[in-house]
């Protein structure tokens, strides 16, 4: 019997193959691209506004030494939560929907950890600056091409 149904809510339970695929995705290179940091995450019975926390830190001009120490603590707590979630994804009997939700949360935690590490070591500011420089240069070039097109078409 390949598919077993959960009698309580009539959803299919996740198969071992599907479970393996989800776990492999978590360990793939650049898995976190496009993943969203969860708005809230429950840690030790408390709800934490994870997305807001990361967003506020990303938008700070400078990060103090105290904030860097705090970031290290956030990373440690999130790593432990991610480890527990991944173990649950590996071992717990659950529906496909439950597994997908847990996968999304786990991937979001990993994304938050990556972002916090970049904030801590300062690479997020460098990446943001580089992105804006490239975007600005591309936009300027696009405007030049558009103006040349309009000139060639006799519109200006």
N, C-alpha and C. Protein backbone atom coordinates (compact mmCIF):
# COMPACT_ATOMS: atom_id res chain seq x y z
N UNK A 1 0.84 -1.17 0.00
CA UNK A 1 0.00 0.00 0.00
C UNK A 1 0.89 1.24 0.00
N UNK A 2 0.98 1.92 -1.12
CA UNK A 2 1.87 3.08 -1.29
C UNK A 2 1.39 4.29 -0.51
N UNK A 3 0.10 4.54 -0.54
CA UNK A 3 -0.45 5.72 0.12
C UNK A 3 -1.38 5.30 1.24
N UNK A 4 -1.15 5.90 2.39
CA UNK A 4 -1.98 5.64 3.55
C UNK A 4 -2.70 6.94 3.88
N UNK A 5 -3.97 6.86 4.21
CA UNK A 5 -4.69 8.09 4.56
C UNK A 5 -4.78 8.24 6.06
N UNK A 6 -4.75 9.47 6.49
CA UNK A 6 -4.95 9.80 7.88
C UNK A 6 -6.45 9.86 8.11
N UNK A 7 -6.98 9.00 8.98
CA UNK A 7 -8.43 8.87 9.17
C UNK A 7 -9.05 10.15 9.73
N UNK A 8 -8.31 10.89 10.55
CA UNK A 8 -8.88 12.07 11.20
C UNK A 8 -9.22 13.17 10.20
N UNK A 9 -8.30 13.49 9.32
CA UNK A 9 -8.59 14.61 8.41
C UNK A 9 -8.48 14.21 6.94
N UNK A 10 -8.38 12.92 6.68
CA UNK A 10 -8.45 12.40 5.32
C UNK A 10 -7.35 12.91 4.40
N UNK A 11 -6.22 13.34 4.93
CA UNK A 11 -5.09 13.77 4.10
C UNK A 11 -4.11 12.61 3.97
N UNK A 12 -3.42 12.58 2.86
CA UNK A 12 -2.41 11.54 2.67
C UNK A 12 -1.20 11.81 3.54
N UNK A 13 -0.67 10.74 4.11
CA UNK A 13 0.57 10.87 4.87
C UNK A 13 1.74 10.96 3.90
N UNK A 14 2.77 11.63 4.33
CA UNK A 14 3.95 11.79 3.50
C UNK A 14 4.65 10.44 3.34
N UNK A 15 5.11 10.16 2.15
CA UNK A 15 5.83 8.91 1.91
C UNK A 15 7.31 9.11 2.24
N UNK A 16 8.03 8.03 2.40
CA UNK A 16 9.46 8.13 2.69
C UNK A 16 10.22 8.81 1.54
N UNK A 17 9.77 8.55 0.34
CA UNK A 17 10.41 9.19 -0.83
C UNK A 17 10.21 10.71 -0.79
N UNK A 18 8.98 11.13 -0.51
CA UNK A 18 8.69 12.57 -0.42
C UNK A 18 9.47 13.20 0.73
N UNK A 19 9.55 12.49 1.84
CA UNK A 19 10.31 12.97 3.00
C UNK A 19 11.78 13.16 2.62
N UNK A 20 12.33 12.19 1.92
CA UNK A 20 13.73 12.27 1.49
C UNK A 20 13.96 13.44 0.54
N UNK A 21 13.00 13.69 -0.34
CA UNK A 21 13.12 14.80 -1.28
C UNK A 21 13.12 16.14 -0.53
N UNK A 22 12.24 16.29 0.44
CA UNK A 22 12.20 17.53 1.22
C UNK A 22 13.51 17.75 1.98
N UNK A 23 14.01 16.70 2.59
CA UNK A 23 15.27 16.81 3.33
C UNK A 23 16.44 17.12 2.40
N UNK A 24 16.43 16.51 1.21
CA UNK A 24 17.49 16.80 0.24
C UNK A 24 17.43 18.26 -0.21
N UNK A 25 16.23 18.79 -0.38
CA UNK A 25 16.08 20.20 -0.76
C UNK A 25 16.68 21.12 0.29
N UNK A 26 16.49 20.78 1.57
CA UNK A 26 17.04 21.61 2.64
C UNK A 26 18.57 21.66 2.61
N UNK A 27 19.17 20.61 2.07
CA UNK A 27 20.63 20.53 2.06
C UNK A 27 21.23 20.88 0.71
N UNK A 28 20.39 21.27 -0.23
CA UNK A 28 20.88 21.65 -1.55
C UNK A 28 21.54 23.02 -1.50
N UNK A 29 22.42 23.25 -2.43
CA UNK A 29 23.06 24.57 -2.54
C UNK A 29 22.05 25.61 -2.92
N UNK A 30 22.14 26.75 -2.31
CA UNK A 30 21.28 27.90 -2.58
C UNK A 30 19.79 27.59 -2.42
N UNK A 31 19.46 26.62 -1.56
CA UNK A 31 18.07 26.25 -1.32
C UNK A 31 17.26 27.45 -0.83
N UNK A 32 17.91 28.35 -0.11
CA UNK A 32 17.22 29.44 0.58
C UNK A 32 16.80 30.57 -0.34
N UNK A 33 17.29 30.57 -1.58
CA UNK A 33 16.92 31.64 -2.50
C UNK A 33 15.41 31.60 -2.72
N UNK A 34 14.79 32.71 -2.47
CA UNK A 34 13.34 32.81 -2.63
C UNK A 34 12.55 32.37 -1.42
N UNK A 35 13.21 31.79 -0.43
CA UNK A 35 12.50 31.38 0.79
C UNK A 35 12.18 32.62 1.62
N UNK A 36 11.06 32.59 2.29
CA UNK A 36 10.63 33.71 3.11
C UNK A 36 10.91 33.42 4.58
N UNK A 37 11.40 34.43 5.25
CA UNK A 37 11.61 34.32 6.69
C UNK A 37 10.23 34.33 7.34
N UNK A 38 9.95 33.38 8.23
CA UNK A 38 8.64 33.35 8.88
C UNK A 38 8.36 34.65 9.64
N UNK A 39 7.13 35.11 9.59
CA UNK A 39 6.75 36.31 10.34
C UNK A 39 6.94 36.07 11.83
N UNK A 40 6.48 34.92 12.27
CA UNK A 40 6.60 34.55 13.68
C UNK A 40 7.20 33.16 13.77
N UNK A 41 7.94 32.93 14.85
CA UNK A 41 8.43 31.59 15.13
C UNK A 41 8.31 31.40 16.64
N UNK A 42 7.88 30.21 17.04
CA UNK A 42 7.72 29.93 18.46
C UNK A 42 8.99 29.27 18.97
N UNK A 43 9.57 29.89 19.99
CA UNK A 43 10.80 29.37 20.59
C UNK A 43 10.60 29.35 22.09
N UNK A 44 10.75 28.16 22.66
CA UNK A 44 10.57 27.97 24.11
C UNK A 44 9.23 28.52 24.59
N UNK A 45 8.19 28.30 23.80
CA UNK A 45 6.85 28.72 24.18
C UNK A 45 6.54 30.19 23.95
N UNK A 46 7.50 30.93 23.43
CA UNK A 46 7.28 32.36 23.16
C UNK A 46 7.27 32.60 21.67
N UNK A 47 6.38 33.50 21.24
CA UNK A 47 6.34 33.89 19.83
C UNK A 47 7.33 35.01 19.60
N UNK A 48 8.16 34.84 18.60
CA UNK A 48 9.16 35.84 18.24
C UNK A 48 8.83 36.38 16.86
N UNK A 49 8.85 37.69 16.70
CA UNK A 49 8.61 38.31 15.40
C UNK A 49 9.91 38.26 14.60
N UNK A 50 10.18 37.10 14.03
CA UNK A 50 11.46 36.85 13.37
C UNK A 50 11.66 37.75 12.15
N UNK A 51 10.67 37.84 11.29
CA UNK A 51 10.81 38.65 10.08
C UNK A 51 11.12 40.11 10.43
N UNK A 52 10.37 40.67 11.36
CA UNK A 52 10.58 42.06 11.78
C UNK A 52 11.97 42.26 12.38
N UNK A 53 12.40 41.29 13.18
CA UNK A 53 13.71 41.37 13.81
C UNK A 53 14.82 41.45 12.76
N UNK A 54 14.77 40.54 11.79
CA UNK A 54 15.79 40.51 10.73
C UNK A 54 15.70 41.78 9.88
N UNK A 55 14.48 42.18 9.54
CA UNK A 55 14.28 43.37 8.71
C UNK A 55 14.85 44.62 9.39
N UNK A 56 14.58 44.76 10.69
CA UNK A 56 15.10 45.91 11.43
C UNK A 56 16.63 45.92 11.44
N UNK A 57 17.24 44.76 11.62
CA UNK A 57 18.70 44.68 11.63
C UNK A 57 19.29 44.97 10.25
N UNK A 58 18.64 44.48 9.21
CA UNK A 58 19.13 44.71 7.85
C UNK A 58 19.14 46.20 7.54
N UNK A 59 18.14 46.92 8.03
CA UNK A 59 18.00 48.33 7.69
C UNK A 59 18.75 49.28 8.62
N UNK A 60 19.46 48.75 9.59
CA UNK A 60 20.27 49.60 10.47
C UNK A 60 21.52 50.04 9.72
N UNK A 61 21.90 51.28 9.94
CA UNK A 61 23.12 51.81 9.30
C UNK A 61 24.36 51.11 9.84
N UNK A 62 24.44 50.98 11.16
CA UNK A 62 25.58 50.31 11.78
C UNK A 62 25.07 49.34 12.84
N UNK A 63 25.87 48.34 13.09
CA UNK A 63 25.54 47.33 14.09
C UNK A 63 26.57 47.44 15.20
N UNK A 64 26.09 47.66 16.42
CA UNK A 64 26.99 47.79 17.57
C UNK A 64 27.51 46.42 17.99
N UNK A 65 28.54 46.43 18.83
CA UNK A 65 29.09 45.16 19.34
C UNK A 65 28.05 44.40 20.15
N UNK A 66 27.24 45.14 20.93
CA UNK A 66 26.17 44.48 21.70
C UNK A 66 25.17 43.81 20.76
N UNK A 67 24.83 44.49 19.67
CA UNK A 67 23.88 43.91 18.70
C UNK A 67 24.50 42.70 18.01
N UNK A 68 25.80 42.74 17.74
CA UNK A 68 26.48 41.58 17.15
C UNK A 68 26.43 40.40 18.10
N UNK A 69 26.63 40.65 19.38
CA UNK A 69 26.53 39.58 20.38
C UNK A 69 25.12 39.02 20.43
N UNK A 70 24.15 39.91 20.34
CA UNK A 70 22.75 39.48 20.35
C UNK A 70 22.45 38.65 19.10
N UNK A 71 22.98 39.06 17.97
CA UNK A 71 22.79 38.31 16.72
C UNK A 71 23.34 36.90 16.86
N UNK A 72 24.51 36.77 17.49
CA UNK A 72 25.09 35.44 17.72
C UNK A 72 24.14 34.56 18.52
N UNK A 73 23.50 35.17 19.53
CA UNK A 73 22.54 34.42 20.34
C UNK A 73 21.32 34.03 19.51
N UNK A 74 20.83 34.94 18.68
CA UNK A 74 19.70 34.64 17.80
C UNK A 74 20.05 33.46 16.89
N UNK A 75 21.24 33.52 16.33
CA UNK A 75 21.67 32.45 15.42
C UNK A 75 21.69 31.12 16.15
N UNK A 76 22.24 31.08 17.36
CA UNK A 76 22.31 29.84 18.12
C UNK A 76 20.91 29.28 18.41
N UNK A 77 19.98 30.15 18.80
CA UNK A 77 18.62 29.71 19.11
C UNK A 77 17.93 29.21 17.84
N UNK A 78 18.10 29.94 16.74
CA UNK A 78 17.47 29.54 15.48
C UNK A 78 18.06 28.24 14.95
N UNK A 79 19.36 28.05 15.12
CA UNK A 79 19.99 26.79 14.69
C UNK A 79 19.40 25.61 15.45
N UNK A 80 19.19 25.78 16.75
CA UNK A 80 18.61 24.71 17.55
C UNK A 80 17.17 24.44 17.11
N UNK A 81 16.39 25.49 16.88
CA UNK A 81 15.01 25.33 16.41
C UNK A 81 15.00 24.64 15.05
N UNK A 82 15.90 25.03 14.17
CA UNK A 82 16.00 24.41 12.85
C UNK A 82 16.35 22.94 12.97
N UNK A 83 17.28 22.62 13.88
CA UNK A 83 17.70 21.23 14.08
C UNK A 83 16.51 20.38 14.55
N UNK A 84 15.73 20.91 15.49
CA UNK A 84 14.56 20.20 16.01
C UNK A 84 13.53 20.01 14.90
N UNK A 85 13.28 21.07 14.13
CA UNK A 85 12.31 20.98 13.03
C UNK A 85 12.75 19.95 11.99
N UNK A 86 14.03 19.96 11.66
CA UNK A 86 14.52 19.02 10.66
C UNK A 86 14.42 17.59 11.15
N UNK A 87 14.72 17.36 12.42
CA UNK A 87 14.58 16.03 13.01
C UNK A 87 13.13 15.57 12.97
N UNK A 88 12.22 16.49 13.26
CA UNK A 88 10.79 16.18 13.20
C UNK A 88 10.38 15.83 11.77
N UNK A 89 10.89 16.59 10.82
CA UNK A 89 10.60 16.33 9.40
C UNK A 89 11.14 14.96 9.00
N UNK A 90 12.25 14.58 9.59
CA UNK A 90 12.89 13.29 9.29
C UNK A 90 12.13 12.11 9.88
N UNK A 91 11.53 12.29 11.05
CA UNK A 91 11.05 11.14 11.79
C UNK A 91 9.55 11.09 12.08
N UNK A 92 8.90 12.21 12.15
CA UNK A 92 7.50 12.24 12.59
C UNK A 92 6.54 11.83 11.48
N UNK A 93 5.52 11.08 11.85
CA UNK A 93 4.46 10.75 10.90
C UNK A 93 3.60 11.99 10.74
N UNK A 94 3.42 12.43 9.48
CA UNK A 94 2.64 13.63 9.24
C UNK A 94 2.07 13.61 7.83
N UNK A 95 1.10 14.47 7.62
CA UNK A 95 0.50 14.57 6.29
C UNK A 95 1.45 15.37 5.39
N UNK A 96 1.17 15.32 4.11
CA UNK A 96 1.97 16.10 3.15
C UNK A 96 1.88 17.59 3.46
N UNK A 97 0.68 18.04 3.82
CA UNK A 97 0.49 19.46 4.13
C UNK A 97 1.31 19.86 5.37
N UNK A 98 1.26 19.03 6.40
CA UNK A 98 2.05 19.30 7.60
C UNK A 98 3.54 19.30 7.29
N UNK A 99 3.96 18.35 6.47
CA UNK A 99 5.37 18.27 6.09
C UNK A 99 5.80 19.50 5.30
N UNK A 100 4.95 19.95 4.41
CA UNK A 100 5.28 21.14 3.60
C UNK A 100 5.38 22.38 4.48
N UNK A 101 4.47 22.51 5.43
CA UNK A 101 4.51 23.66 6.35
C UNK A 101 5.79 23.62 7.19
N UNK A 102 6.13 22.43 7.68
CA UNK A 102 7.35 22.29 8.48
C UNK A 102 8.59 22.56 7.63
N UNK A 103 8.58 22.08 6.38
CA UNK A 103 9.68 22.35 5.47
C UNK A 103 9.83 23.86 5.24
N UNK A 104 8.72 24.53 4.97
CA UNK A 104 8.76 25.98 4.72
C UNK A 104 9.30 26.73 5.93
N UNK A 105 8.85 26.33 7.13
CA UNK A 105 9.36 26.98 8.34
C UNK A 105 10.86 26.73 8.49
N UNK A 106 11.28 25.49 8.28
CA UNK A 106 12.69 25.14 8.43
C UNK A 106 13.55 25.90 7.42
N UNK A 107 13.10 25.95 6.18
CA UNK A 107 13.83 26.69 5.15
C UNK A 107 13.88 28.18 5.50
N UNK A 108 12.79 28.71 6.02
CA UNK A 108 12.74 30.11 6.44
C UNK A 108 13.70 30.39 7.58
N UNK A 109 13.81 29.44 8.52
CA UNK A 109 14.77 29.59 9.62
C UNK A 109 16.20 29.61 9.09
N UNK A 110 16.47 28.72 8.14
CA UNK A 110 17.81 28.69 7.55
C UNK A 110 18.10 30.00 6.80
N UNK A 111 17.10 30.53 6.13
CA UNK A 111 17.25 31.82 5.45
C UNK A 111 17.54 32.93 6.46
N UNK A 112 16.82 32.92 7.58
CA UNK A 112 17.04 33.92 8.62
C UNK A 112 18.45 33.81 9.18
N UNK A 113 18.91 32.58 9.39
CA UNK A 113 20.27 32.36 9.90
C UNK A 113 21.29 32.93 8.92
N UNK A 114 21.10 32.66 7.63
CA UNK A 114 22.02 33.18 6.60
C UNK A 114 22.02 34.70 6.62
N UNK A 115 20.84 35.31 6.68
CA UNK A 115 20.74 36.77 6.69
C UNK A 115 21.41 37.35 7.94
N UNK A 116 21.17 36.72 9.09
CA UNK A 116 21.78 37.21 10.33
C UNK A 116 23.30 37.12 10.28
N UNK A 117 23.81 36.06 9.68
CA UNK A 117 25.27 35.93 9.54
C UNK A 117 25.83 37.05 8.66
N UNK A 118 25.12 37.35 7.58
CA UNK A 118 25.56 38.43 6.70
C UNK A 118 25.49 39.79 7.39
N UNK A 119 24.48 39.99 8.22
CA UNK A 119 24.36 41.24 8.97
C UNK A 119 25.52 41.34 9.96
N UNK A 120 25.78 40.24 10.64
CA UNK A 120 26.82 40.21 11.66
C UNK A 120 28.21 40.51 11.09
N UNK A 121 28.51 39.91 9.94
CA UNK A 121 29.85 40.14 9.37
C UNK A 121 29.91 41.31 8.40
N UNK A 122 28.78 41.99 8.19
CA UNK A 122 28.77 43.20 7.38
C UNK A 122 28.61 42.99 5.89
N UNK A 123 28.51 41.76 5.44
CA UNK A 123 28.40 41.53 4.00
C UNK A 123 27.04 41.93 3.45
N UNK A 124 26.01 41.99 4.30
CA UNK A 124 24.69 42.37 3.79
C UNK A 124 24.70 43.81 3.29
N UNK A 125 25.40 44.69 3.99
CA UNK A 125 25.50 46.10 3.55
C UNK A 125 26.28 46.19 2.24
N UNK A 126 27.37 45.42 2.13
CA UNK A 126 28.15 45.41 0.90
C UNK A 126 27.32 44.90 -0.27
N UNK A 127 26.56 43.82 -0.03
CA UNK A 127 25.72 43.25 -1.08
C UNK A 127 24.63 44.23 -1.49
N UNK A 128 24.04 44.91 -0.52
CA UNK A 128 22.99 45.89 -0.80
C UNK A 128 23.55 47.03 -1.63
N UNK A 129 24.73 47.53 -1.25
CA UNK A 129 25.36 48.63 -1.97
C UNK A 129 25.70 48.21 -3.41
N UNK A 130 26.28 47.02 -3.54
CA UNK A 130 26.63 46.51 -4.86
C UNK A 130 25.39 46.35 -5.74
N UNK A 131 24.30 45.83 -5.16
CA UNK A 131 23.06 45.67 -5.91
C UNK A 131 22.57 47.01 -6.42
N UNK A 132 22.57 48.03 -5.56
CA UNK A 132 22.07 49.35 -5.96
C UNK A 132 22.96 49.98 -7.04
N UNK A 133 24.26 49.76 -6.93
CA UNK A 133 25.17 50.28 -7.95
C UNK A 133 24.91 49.63 -9.31
N UNK A 134 24.76 48.32 -9.31
CA UNK A 134 24.51 47.58 -10.55
C UNK A 134 23.15 47.99 -11.11
N UNK A 135 22.13 48.05 -10.25
CA UNK A 135 20.79 48.44 -10.68
C UNK A 135 20.80 49.83 -11.29
N UNK A 136 21.49 50.75 -10.64
CA UNK A 136 21.56 52.13 -11.12
C UNK A 136 22.24 52.19 -12.48
N UNK A 137 23.35 51.47 -12.63
CA UNK A 137 24.07 51.45 -13.90
C UNK A 137 23.20 50.86 -15.01
N UNK A 138 22.50 49.77 -14.71
CA UNK A 138 21.63 49.14 -15.70
C UNK A 138 20.47 50.07 -16.08
N UNK A 139 19.94 50.76 -15.10
CA UNK A 139 18.84 51.68 -15.36
C UNK A 139 19.30 52.84 -16.25
N UNK A 140 20.49 53.37 -15.97
CA UNK A 140 21.05 54.46 -16.78
C UNK A 140 21.25 53.99 -18.22
N UNK A 141 21.79 52.79 -18.38
CA UNK A 141 22.02 52.25 -19.73
C UNK A 141 20.69 52.04 -20.45
N UNK A 142 19.69 51.58 -19.74
CA UNK A 142 18.37 51.37 -20.34
C UNK A 142 17.77 52.70 -20.80
N UNK A 143 17.94 53.75 -20.02
CA UNK A 143 17.44 55.07 -20.40
C UNK A 143 18.15 55.57 -21.65
N UNK A 144 19.47 55.36 -21.71
CA UNK A 144 20.24 55.76 -22.91
C UNK A 144 19.74 55.03 -24.15
N UNK A 145 19.53 53.73 -24.02
CA UNK A 145 19.04 52.95 -25.18
C UNK A 145 17.66 53.46 -25.60
N UNK A 146 16.80 53.74 -24.64
CA UNK A 146 15.46 54.23 -24.95
C UNK A 146 15.53 55.58 -25.65
N UNK A 147 16.37 56.49 -25.17
CA UNK A 147 16.52 57.81 -25.80
C UNK A 147 17.08 57.67 -27.23
N UNK A 148 18.04 56.78 -27.42
CA UNK A 148 18.58 56.53 -28.76
C UNK A 148 17.50 55.98 -29.69
N UNK A 149 16.68 55.09 -29.18
CA UNK A 149 15.58 54.55 -29.96
C UNK A 149 14.63 55.67 -30.39
N UNK A 150 14.26 56.53 -29.43
CA UNK A 150 13.33 57.62 -29.73
C UNK A 150 13.96 58.58 -30.76
N UNK A 151 15.27 58.85 -30.66
CA UNK A 151 15.95 59.71 -31.62
C UNK A 151 15.92 59.07 -33.00
N UNK A 152 16.23 57.78 -33.06
CA UNK A 152 16.24 57.06 -34.33
C UNK A 152 14.84 57.01 -34.96
N UNK A 153 13.83 56.96 -34.13
CA UNK A 153 12.46 56.91 -34.62
C UNK A 153 11.92 58.30 -34.98
N UNK A 154 12.72 59.32 -34.69
CA UNK A 154 12.31 60.69 -35.01
C UNK A 154 11.31 61.27 -34.05
N UNK A 155 11.20 60.72 -32.89
CA UNK A 155 10.22 61.21 -31.91
C UNK A 155 10.80 62.33 -31.06
N UNK A 156 12.13 62.47 -31.02
CA UNK A 156 12.72 63.61 -30.28
C UNK A 156 13.86 64.20 -31.07
